[in-house]
Amino acid sequence: MINLSKVNDDGSLEAHYFNPNPINVGKATWMESNGDLKVVIELRDVNYPGSTYRLNFLPDRSMLAGEYFQAVEGLTFYVEFLRRQ
């Protein structure tokens, strides 16, 4: 689960990641590109050193979708996060 809050004008945001327990987020940013909202979340914790989510917001499906790079194994996976209302 990803919890996003405190979206700042400078492109930074506050993000919390749970799998299922909290995993430290080293850096979280957002940007708008060609009308699309993009979010990047870099994890910094045991077993997650540099693992990164690169996500796009899909407003018609109310979800974030994109790639998860699992740094320890060097593998990339397609992921989706549904928005909880």
PDB file of N, CA and C in Angstrom:
ATOM      1  N   MET A   1       0.841  -1.168   0.000  1.00  0.00           N
ATOM      2  CA  MET A   1       0.000   0.000   0.000  1.00  0.00           C
ATOM      3  C   MET A   1       0.891   1.237   0.000  1.00  0.00           C
ATOM      4  N   ILE A   2       0.504   2.208  -0.781  1.00  0.00           N
ATOM      5  CA  ILE A   2       1.190   3.497  -0.811  1.00  0.00           C
ATOM      6  C   ILE A   2       0.219   4.559  -0.314  1.00  0.00           C
ATOM      7  N   ASN A   3       0.698   5.413   0.587  1.00  0.00           N
ATOM      8  CA  ASN A   3      -0.085   6.532   1.085  1.00  0.00           C
ATOM      9  C   ASN A   3       0.655   7.797   0.679  1.00  0.00           C
ATOM     10  N   LEU A   4       0.030   8.631  -0.151  1.00  0.00           N
ATOM     11  CA  LEU A   4       0.636   9.881  -0.608  1.00  0.00           C
ATOM     12  C   LEU A   4      -0.038  11.054   0.078  1.00  0.00           C
ATOM     13  N   SER A   5       0.785  12.027   0.524  1.00  0.00           N
ATOM     14  CA  SER A   5       0.249  13.223   1.167  1.00  0.00           C
ATOM     15  C   SER A   5       1.246  14.362   0.994  1.00  0.00           C
ATOM     16  N   LYS A   6       0.852  15.527   1.426  1.00  0.00           N
ATOM     17  CA  LYS A   6       1.708  16.720   1.379  1.00  0.00           C
ATOM     18  C   LYS A   6       2.394  16.882   0.022  1.00  0.00           C
ATOM     19  N   VAL A   7       1.597  17.079  -1.000  1.00  0.00           N
ATOM     20  CA  VAL A   7       2.112  17.314  -2.347  1.00  0.00           C
ATOM     21  C   VAL A   7       2.575  18.766  -2.417  1.00  0.00           C
ATOM     22  N   ASN A   8       3.849  18.977  -2.739  1.00  0.00           N
ATOM     23  CA  ASN A   8       4.444  20.313  -2.736  1.00  0.00           C
ATOM     24  C   ASN A   8       4.691  20.820  -4.153  1.00  0.00           C
ATOM     25  N   ASP A   9       4.667  22.153  -4.315  1.00  0.00           N
ATOM     26  CA  ASP A   9       4.876  22.775  -5.621  1.00  0.00           C
ATOM     27  C   ASP A   9       6.244  22.482  -6.212  1.00  0.00           C
ATOM     28  N   ASP A  10       7.235  22.159  -5.373  1.00  0.00           N
ATOM     29  CA  ASP A  10       8.590  21.900  -5.870  1.00  0.00           C
ATOM     30  C   ASP A  10       8.761  20.481  -6.423  1.00  0.00           C
ATOM     31  N   GLY A  11       7.680  19.702  -6.468  1.00  0.00           N
ATOM     32  CA  GLY A  11       7.744  18.351  -7.009  1.00  0.00           C
ATOM     33  C   GLY A  11       7.980  17.279  -5.964  1.00  0.00           C
ATOM     34  N   SER A  12       8.150  17.679  -4.717  1.00  0.00           N
ATOM     35  CA  SER A  12       8.322  16.681  -3.660  1.00  0.00           C
ATOM     36  C   SER A  12       6.956  16.316  -3.086  1.00  0.00           C
ATOM     37  N   LEU A  13       6.886  15.170  -2.461  1.00  0.00           N
ATOM     38  CA  LEU A  13       5.672  14.775  -1.767  1.00  0.00           C
ATOM     39  C   LEU A  13       6.037  13.832  -0.637  1.00  0.00           C
ATOM     40  N   GLU A  14       5.134  13.696   0.297  1.00  0.00           N
ATOM     41  CA  GLU A  14       5.343  12.766   1.400  1.00  0.00           C
ATOM     42  C   GLU A  14       4.670  11.453   1.028  1.00  0.00           C
ATOM     43  N   ALA A  15       5.432  10.369   1.110  1.00  0.00           N
ATOM     44  CA  ALA A  15       4.901   9.057   0.769  1.00  0.00           C
ATOM     45  C   ALA A  15       5.238   8.066   1.871  1.00  0.00           C
ATOM     46  N   HIS A  16       4.298   7.175   2.125  1.00  0.00           N
ATOM     47  CA  HIS A  16       4.499   6.080   3.075  1.00  0.00           C
ATOM     48  C   HIS A  16       4.192   4.791   2.328  1.00  0.00           C
ATOM     49  N   TYR A  17       5.038   3.773   2.550  1.00  0.00           N
ATOM     50  CA  TYR A  17       4.878   2.496   1.856  1.00  0.00           C
ATOM     51  C   TYR A  17       4.783   1.374   2.883  1.00  0.00           C
ATOM     52  N   PHE A  18       3.853   0.460   2.668  1.00  0.00           N
ATOM     53  CA  PHE A  18       3.617  -0.654   3.588  1.00  0.00           C
ATOM     54  C   PHE A  18       3.580  -1.965   2.809  1.00  0.00           C
ATOM     55  N   ASN A  19       4.267  -3.008   3.330  1.00  0.00           N
ATOM     56  CA  ASN A  19       4.290  -4.304   2.642  1.00  0.00           C
ATOM     57  C   ASN A  19       4.424  -5.470   3.610  1.00  0.00           C
ATOM     58  N   PRO A  20       3.586  -5.841   4.491  1.00  0.00           N
ATOM     59  CA  PRO A  20       2.472  -5.027   4.999  1.00  0.00           C
ATOM     60  C   PRO A  20       2.931  -4.026   6.048  1.00  0.00           C
ATOM     61  N   ASN A  21       4.147  -4.203   6.588  1.00  0.00           N
ATOM     62  CA  ASN A  21       4.681  -3.272   7.587  1.00  0.00           C
ATOM     63  C   ASN A  21       5.336  -2.082   6.896  1.00  0.00           C
ATOM     64  N   PRO A  22       5.548  -0.980   7.610  1.00  0.00           N
ATOM     65  CA  PRO A  22       6.161   0.205   7.004  1.00  0.00           C
ATOM     66  C   PRO A  22       7.564  -0.078   6.464  1.00  0.00           C
ATOM     67  N   ILE A  23       7.827   0.438   5.265  1.00  0.00           N
ATOM     68  CA  ILE A  23       9.139   0.397   4.625  1.00  0.00           C
ATOM     69  C   ILE A  23       9.568   1.849   4.441  1.00  0.00           C
ATOM     70  N   ASN A  24      10.810   2.182   4.787  1.00  0.00           N
ATOM     71  CA  ASN A  24      11.286   3.555   4.705  1.00  0.00           C
ATOM     72  C   ASN A  24      11.335   4.053   3.257  1.00  0.00           C
ATOM     73  N   VAL A  25      10.754   5.220   3.034  1.00  0.00           N
ATOM     74  CA  VAL A  25      10.813   5.888   1.736  1.00  0.00           C
ATOM     75  C   VAL A  25      11.954   6.891   1.785  1.00  0.00           C
ATOM     76  N   GLY A  26      12.941   6.721   0.899  1.00  0.00           N
ATOM     77  CA  GLY A  26      14.080   7.629   0.861  1.00  0.00           C
ATOM     78  C   GLY A  26      13.758   8.933   0.159  1.00  0.00           C
ATOM     79  N   LYS A  27      12.966   8.847  -0.923  1.00  0.00           N
ATOM     80  CA  LYS A  27      12.645  10.036  -1.704  1.00  0.00           C
ATOM     81  C   LYS A  27      11.356   9.776  -2.478  1.00  0.00           C
ATOM     82  N   ALA A  28      10.520  10.797  -2.569  1.00  0.00           N
ATOM     83  CA  ALA A  28       9.282  10.698  -3.340  1.00  0.00           C
ATOM     84  C   ALA A  28       9.069  12.012  -4.083  1.00  0.00           C
ATOM     85  N   THR A  29       8.807  11.912  -5.378  1.00  0.00           N
ATOM     86  CA  THR A  29       8.613  13.100  -6.206  1.00  0.00           C
ATOM     87  C   THR A  29       7.426  12.900  -7.148  1.00  0.00           C
ATOM     88  N   TRP A  30       6.924  14.022  -7.649  1.00  0.00           N
ATOM     89  CA  TRP A  30       5.880  13.986  -8.657  1.00  0.00           C
ATOM     90  C   TRP A  30       6.206  15.013  -9.729  1.00  0.00           C
ATOM     91  N   MET A  31       5.645  14.811 -10.902  1.00  0.00           N
ATOM     92  CA  MET A  31       5.785  15.786 -11.980  1.00  0.00           C
ATOM     93  C   MET A  31       4.614  15.624 -12.938  1.00  0.00           C
ATOM     94  N   GLU A  32       4.333  16.704 -13.653  1.00  0.00           N
ATOM     95  CA  GLU A  32       3.324  16.641 -14.698  1.00  0.00           C
ATOM     96  C   GLU A  32       4.041  16.734 -16.032  1.00  0.00           C
ATOM     97  N   SER A  33       3.728  15.824 -16.924  1.00  0.00           N
ATOM     98  CA  SER A  33       4.363  15.788 -18.235  1.00  0.00           C
ATOM     99  C   SER A  33       3.294  15.528 -19.288  1.00  0.00           C
ATOM    100  N   ASN A  34       3.108  16.484 -20.197  1.00  0.00           N
ATOM    101  CA  ASN A  34       2.097  16.365 -21.253  1.00  0.00           C
ATOM    102  C   ASN A  34       0.711  16.053 -20.691  1.00  0.00           C
ATOM    103  N   GLY A  35       0.379  16.670 -19.559  1.00  0.00           N
ATOM    104  CA  GLY A  35      -0.921  16.473 -18.943  1.00  0.00           C
ATOM    105  C   GLY A  35      -1.041  15.219 -18.098  1.00  0.00           C
ATOM    106  N   ASP A  36       0.028  14.430 -18.021  1.00  0.00           N
ATOM    107  CA  ASP A  36       0.019  13.200 -17.221  1.00  0.00           C
ATOM    108  C   ASP A  36       0.741  13.426 -15.903  1.00  0.00           C
ATOM    109  N   LEU A  37       0.182  12.889 -14.827  1.00  0.00           N
ATOM    110  CA  LEU A  37       0.798  12.968 -13.511  1.00  0.00           C
ATOM    111  C   LEU A  37       1.658  11.736 -13.291  1.00  0.00           C
ATOM    112  N   LYS A  38       2.928  11.952 -12.951  1.00  0.00           N
ATOM    113  CA  LYS A  38       3.874  10.864 -12.719  1.00  0.00           C
ATOM    114  C   LYS A  38       4.404  10.953 -11.292  1.00  0.00           C
ATOM    115  N   VAL A  39       4.597   9.791 -10.659  1.00  0.00           N
ATOM    116  CA  VAL A  39       5.092   9.707  -9.289  1.00  0.00           C
ATOM    117  C   VAL A  39       6.268   8.741  -9.260  1.00  0.00           C
ATOM    118  N   VAL A  40       7.355   9.137  -8.578  1.00  0.00           N
ATOM    119  CA  VAL A  40       8.515   8.263  -8.390  1.00  0.00           C
ATOM    120  C   VAL A  40       8.754   8.130  -6.895  1.00  0.00           C
ATOM    121  N   ILE A  41       8.847   6.891  -6.433  1.00  0.00           N
ATOM    122  CA  ILE A  41       9.076   6.607  -5.014  1.00  0.00           C
ATOM    123  C   ILE A  41      10.279   5.687  -4.900  1.00  0.00           C
ATOM    124  N   GLU A  42      11.311   6.165  -4.206  1.00  0.00           N
ATOM    125  CA  GLU A  42      12.515   5.358  -3.982  1.00  0.00           C
ATOM    126  C   GLU A  42      12.515   4.864  -2.541  1.00  0.00           C
ATOM    127  N   LEU A  43      12.640   3.557  -2.380  1.00  0.00           N
ATOM    128  CA  LEU A  43      12.653   2.948  -1.051  1.00  0.00           C
ATOM    129  C   LEU A  43      14.085   2.829  -0.547  1.00  0.00           C
ATOM    130  N   ARG A  44      14.272   3.025   0.751  1.00  0.00           N
ATOM    131  CA  ARG A  44      15.588   2.900   1.404  1.00  0.00           C
ATOM    132  C   ARG A  44      15.400   2.168   2.720  1.00  0.00           C
ATOM    133  N   ASP A  45      15.486   0.844   2.667  1.00  0.00           N
ATOM    134  CA  ASP A  45      15.294   0.050   3.873  1.00  0.00           C
ATOM    135  C   ASP A  45      15.962  -1.306   3.668  1.00  0.00           C
ATOM    136  N   VAL A  46      16.023  -2.109   4.716  1.00  0.00           N
ATOM    137  CA  VAL A  46      16.571  -3.456   4.618  1.00  0.00           C
ATOM    138  C   VAL A  46      15.786  -4.224   3.554  1.00  0.00           C
ATOM    139  N   ASN A  47      16.486  -4.872   2.650  1.00  0.00           N
ATOM    140  CA  ASN A  47      15.915  -5.631   1.530  1.00  0.00           C
ATOM    141  C   ASN A  47      15.263  -4.760   0.455  1.00  0.00           C
ATOM    142  N   TYR A  48      15.338  -3.444   0.582  1.00  0.00           N
ATOM    143  CA  TYR A  48      14.752  -2.533  -0.403  1.00  0.00           C
ATOM    144  C   TYR A  48      15.720  -1.420  -0.820  1.00  0.00           C
ATOM    145  N   PRO A  49      17.024  -1.606  -0.768  1.00  0.00           N
ATOM    146  CA  PRO A  49      17.955  -0.491  -1.012  1.00  0.00           C
ATOM    147  C   PRO A  49      17.903  -0.010  -2.463  1.00  0.00           C
ATOM    148  N   GLY A  50      17.225   1.095  -2.679  1.00  0.00           N
ATOM    149  CA  GLY A  50      17.151   1.664  -4.021  1.00  0.00           C
ATOM    150  C   GLY A  50      16.038   1.104  -4.886  1.00  0.00           C
ATOM    151  N   SER A  51      15.202   0.244  -4.333  1.00  0.00           N
ATOM    152  CA  SER A  51      14.044  -0.229  -5.097  1.00  0.00           C
ATOM    153  C   SER A  51      13.153   0.974  -5.393  1.00  0.00           C
ATOM    154  N   THR A  52      12.606   1.029  -6.607  1.00  0.00           N
ATOM    155  CA  THR A  52      11.936   2.248  -7.061  1.00  0.00           C
ATOM    156  C   THR A  52      10.636   1.956  -7.795  1.00  0.00           C
ATOM    157  N   TYR A  53       9.604   2.736  -7.456  1.00  0.00           N
ATOM    158  CA  TYR A  53       8.347   2.733  -8.195  1.00  0.00           C
ATOM    159  C   TYR A  53       8.348   3.927  -9.139  1.00  0.00           C
ATOM    160  N   ARG A  54       8.002   3.708 -10.399  1.00  0.00           N
ATOM    161  CA  ARG A  54       7.789   4.767 -11.388  1.00  0.00           C
ATOM    162  C   ARG A  54       6.360   4.590 -11.889  1.00  0.00           C
ATOM    163  N   LEU A  55       5.487   5.492 -11.433  1.00  0.00           N
ATOM    164  CA  LEU A  55       4.054   5.303 -11.619  1.00  0.00           C
ATOM    165  C   LEU A  55       3.413   6.458 -12.370  1.00  0.00           C
ATOM    166  N   ASN A  56       2.355   6.158 -13.096  1.00  0.00           N
ATOM    167  CA  ASN A  56       1.535   7.149 -13.777  1.00  0.00           C
ATOM    168  C   ASN A  56       0.136   7.092 -13.183  1.00  0.00           C
ATOM    169  N   PHE A  57      -0.467   8.274 -12.980  1.00  0.00           N
ATOM    170  CA  PHE A  57      -1.841   8.309 -12.490  1.00  0.00           C
ATOM    171  C   PHE A  57      -2.781   8.144 -13.674  1.00  0.00           C
ATOM    172  N   LEU A  58      -3.689   7.176 -13.578  1.00  0.00           N
ATOM    173  CA  LEU A  58      -4.694   6.929 -14.609  1.00  0.00           C
ATOM    174  C   LEU A  58      -6.047   7.378 -14.059  1.00  0.00           C
ATOM    175  N   PRO A  59      -6.444   8.637 -14.325  1.00  0.00           N
ATOM    176  CA  PRO A  59      -7.650   9.184 -13.699  1.00  0.00           C
ATOM    177  C   PRO A  59      -8.926   8.436 -14.069  1.00  0.00           C
ATOM    178  N   ASP A  60      -9.020   7.915 -15.285  1.00  0.00           N
ATOM    179  CA  ASP A  60     -10.226   7.198 -15.688  1.00  0.00           C
ATOM    180  C   ASP A  60     -10.406   5.894 -14.916  1.00  0.00           C
ATOM    181  N   ARG A  61      -9.315   5.354 -14.367  1.00  0.00           N
ATOM    182  CA  ARG A  61      -9.375   4.124 -13.570  1.00  0.00           C
ATOM    183  C   ARG A  61      -9.082   4.398 -12.097  1.00  0.00           C
ATOM    184  N   SER A  62      -8.810   5.666 -11.759  1.00  0.00           N
ATOM    185  CA  SER A  62      -8.514   6.094 -10.386  1.00  0.00           C
ATOM    186  C   SER A  62      -7.442   5.219  -9.749  1.00  0.00           C
ATOM    187  N   MET A  63      -6.305   5.116 -10.463  1.00  0.00           N
ATOM    188  CA  MET A  63      -5.230   4.261  -9.985  1.00  0.00           C
ATOM    189  C   MET A  63      -3.869   4.768 -10.438  1.00  0.00           C
ATOM    190  N   LEU A  64      -2.832   4.303  -9.747  1.00  0.00           N
ATOM    191  CA  LEU A  64      -1.452   4.499 -10.165  1.00  0.00           C
ATOM    192  C   LEU A  64      -0.980   3.185 -10.774  1.00  0.00           C
ATOM    193  N   ALA A  65      -0.300   3.256 -11.917  1.00  0.00           N
ATOM    194  CA  ALA A  65       0.208   2.053 -12.572  1.00  0.00           C
ATOM    195  C   ALA A  65       1.572   2.362 -13.165  1.00  0.00           C
ATOM    196  N   GLY A  66       2.430   1.359 -13.201  1.00  0.00           N
ATOM    197  CA  GLY A  66       3.751   1.560 -13.782  1.00  0.00           C
ATOM    198  C   GLY A  66       4.691   0.434 -13.438  1.00  0.00           C
ATOM    199  N   GLU A  67       5.953   0.792 -13.198  1.00  0.00           N
ATOM    200  CA  GLU A  67       6.990  -0.202 -12.968  1.00  0.00           C
ATOM    201  C   GLU A  67       7.547  -0.140 -11.555  1.00  0.00           C
ATOM    202  N   TYR A  68       7.876  -1.310 -11.049  1.00  0.00           N
ATOM    203  CA  TYR A  68       8.581  -1.438  -9.779  1.00  0.00           C
ATOM    204  C   TYR A  68       9.907  -2.115 -10.068  1.00  0.00           C
ATOM    205  N   PHE A  69      11.010  -1.424  -9.776  1.00  0.00           N
ATOM    206  CA  PHE A  69      12.344  -2.004  -9.916  1.00  0.00           C
ATOM    207  C   PHE A  69      12.760  -2.552  -8.567  1.00  0.00           C
ATOM    208  N   GLN A  70      12.934  -3.867  -8.482  1.00  0.00           N
ATOM    209  CA  GLN A  70      13.343  -4.543  -7.257  1.00  0.00           C
ATOM    210  C   GLN A  70      14.864  -4.623  -7.303  1.00  0.00           C
ATOM    211  N   ALA A  71      15.526  -3.719  -6.585  1.00  0.00           N
ATOM    212  CA  ALA A  71      16.974  -3.527  -6.701  1.00  0.00           C
ATOM    213  C   ALA A  71      17.797  -4.742  -6.283  1.00  0.00           C
ATOM    214  N   VAL A  72      17.398  -5.451  -5.245  1.00  0.00           N
ATOM    215  CA  VAL A  72      18.185  -6.588  -4.757  1.00  0.00           C
ATOM    216  C   VAL A  72      18.318  -7.656  -5.840  1.00  0.00           C
ATOM    217  N   GLU A  73      17.238  -7.949  -6.546  1.00  0.00           N
ATOM    218  CA  GLU A  73      17.242  -8.973  -7.593  1.00  0.00           C
ATOM    219  C   GLU A  73      17.529  -8.397  -8.978  1.00  0.00           C
ATOM    220  N   GLY A  74      17.426  -7.065  -9.109  1.00  0.00           N
ATOM    221  CA  GLY A  74      17.635  -6.436 -10.407  1.00  0.00           C
ATOM    222  C   GLY A  74      16.507  -6.705 -11.390  1.00  0.00           C
ATOM    223  N   LEU A  75      15.300  -6.896 -10.883  1.00  0.00           N
ATOM    224  CA  LEU A  75      14.145  -7.222 -11.715  1.00  0.00           C
ATOM    225  C   LEU A  75      13.141  -6.075 -11.722  1.00  0.00           C
ATOM    226  N   THR A  76      12.404  -5.950 -12.826  1.00  0.00           N
ATOM    227  CA  THR A  76      11.370  -4.930 -12.956  1.00  0.00           C
ATOM    228  C   THR A  76      10.022  -5.613 -13.170  1.00  0.00           C
ATOM    229  N   PHE A  77       9.002  -5.119 -12.468  1.00  0.00           N
ATOM    230  CA  PHE A  77       7.657  -5.689 -12.533  1.00  0.00           C
ATOM    231  C   PHE A  77       6.644  -4.596 -12.853  1.00  0.00           C
ATOM    232  N   TYR A  78       5.570  -4.960 -13.561  1.00  0.00           N
ATOM    233  CA  TYR A  78       4.440  -4.067 -13.757  1.00  0.00           C
ATOM    234  C   TYR A  78       3.585  -4.118 -12.491  1.00  0.00           C
ATOM    235  N   VAL A  79       3.148  -2.947 -11.998  1.00  0.00           N
ATOM    236  CA  VAL A  79       2.340  -2.881 -10.774  1.00  0.00           C
ATOM    237  C   VAL A  79       1.175  -1.913 -10.949  1.00  0.00           C
ATOM    238  N   GLU A  80       0.144  -2.120 -10.149  1.00  0.00           N
ATOM    239  CA  GLU A  80      -1.009  -1.225 -10.102  1.00  0.00           C
ATOM    240  C   GLU A  80      -1.408  -1.002  -8.652  1.00  0.00           C
ATOM    241  N   PHE A  81      -1.772   0.231  -8.335  1.00  0.00           N
ATOM    242  CA  PHE A  81      -2.288   0.581  -7.014  1.00  0.00           C
ATOM    243  C   PHE A  81      -3.639   1.262  -7.211  1.00  0.00           C
ATOM    244  N   LEU A  82      -4.696   0.650  -6.699  1.00  0.00           N
ATOM    245  CA  LEU A  82      -6.031   1.231  -6.788  1.00  0.00           C
ATOM    246  C   LEU A  82      -6.205   2.283  -5.716  1.00  0.00           C
ATOM    247  N   ARG A  83      -6.885   3.352  -6.064  1.00  0.00           N
ATOM    248  CA  ARG A  83      -7.137   4.434  -5.117  1.00  0.00           C
ATOM    249  C   ARG A  83      -8.240   4.030  -4.153  1.00  0.00           C
ATOM    250  N   ARG A  84      -7.957   4.168  -2.872  1.00  0.00           N
ATOM    251  CA  ARG A  84      -8.962   3.880  -1.846  1.00  0.00           C
ATOM    252  C   ARG A  84      -9.753   5.151  -1.592  1.00  0.00           C
ATOM    253  N   GLN A  85     -11.056   5.069  -1.692  1.00  0.00           N
ATOM    254  CA  GLN A  85     -11.924   6.238  -1.514  1.00  0.00           C
ATOM    255  C   GLN A  85     -12.277   6.435  -0.067  1.00  0.00           C
TER     256      GLN A  85
END
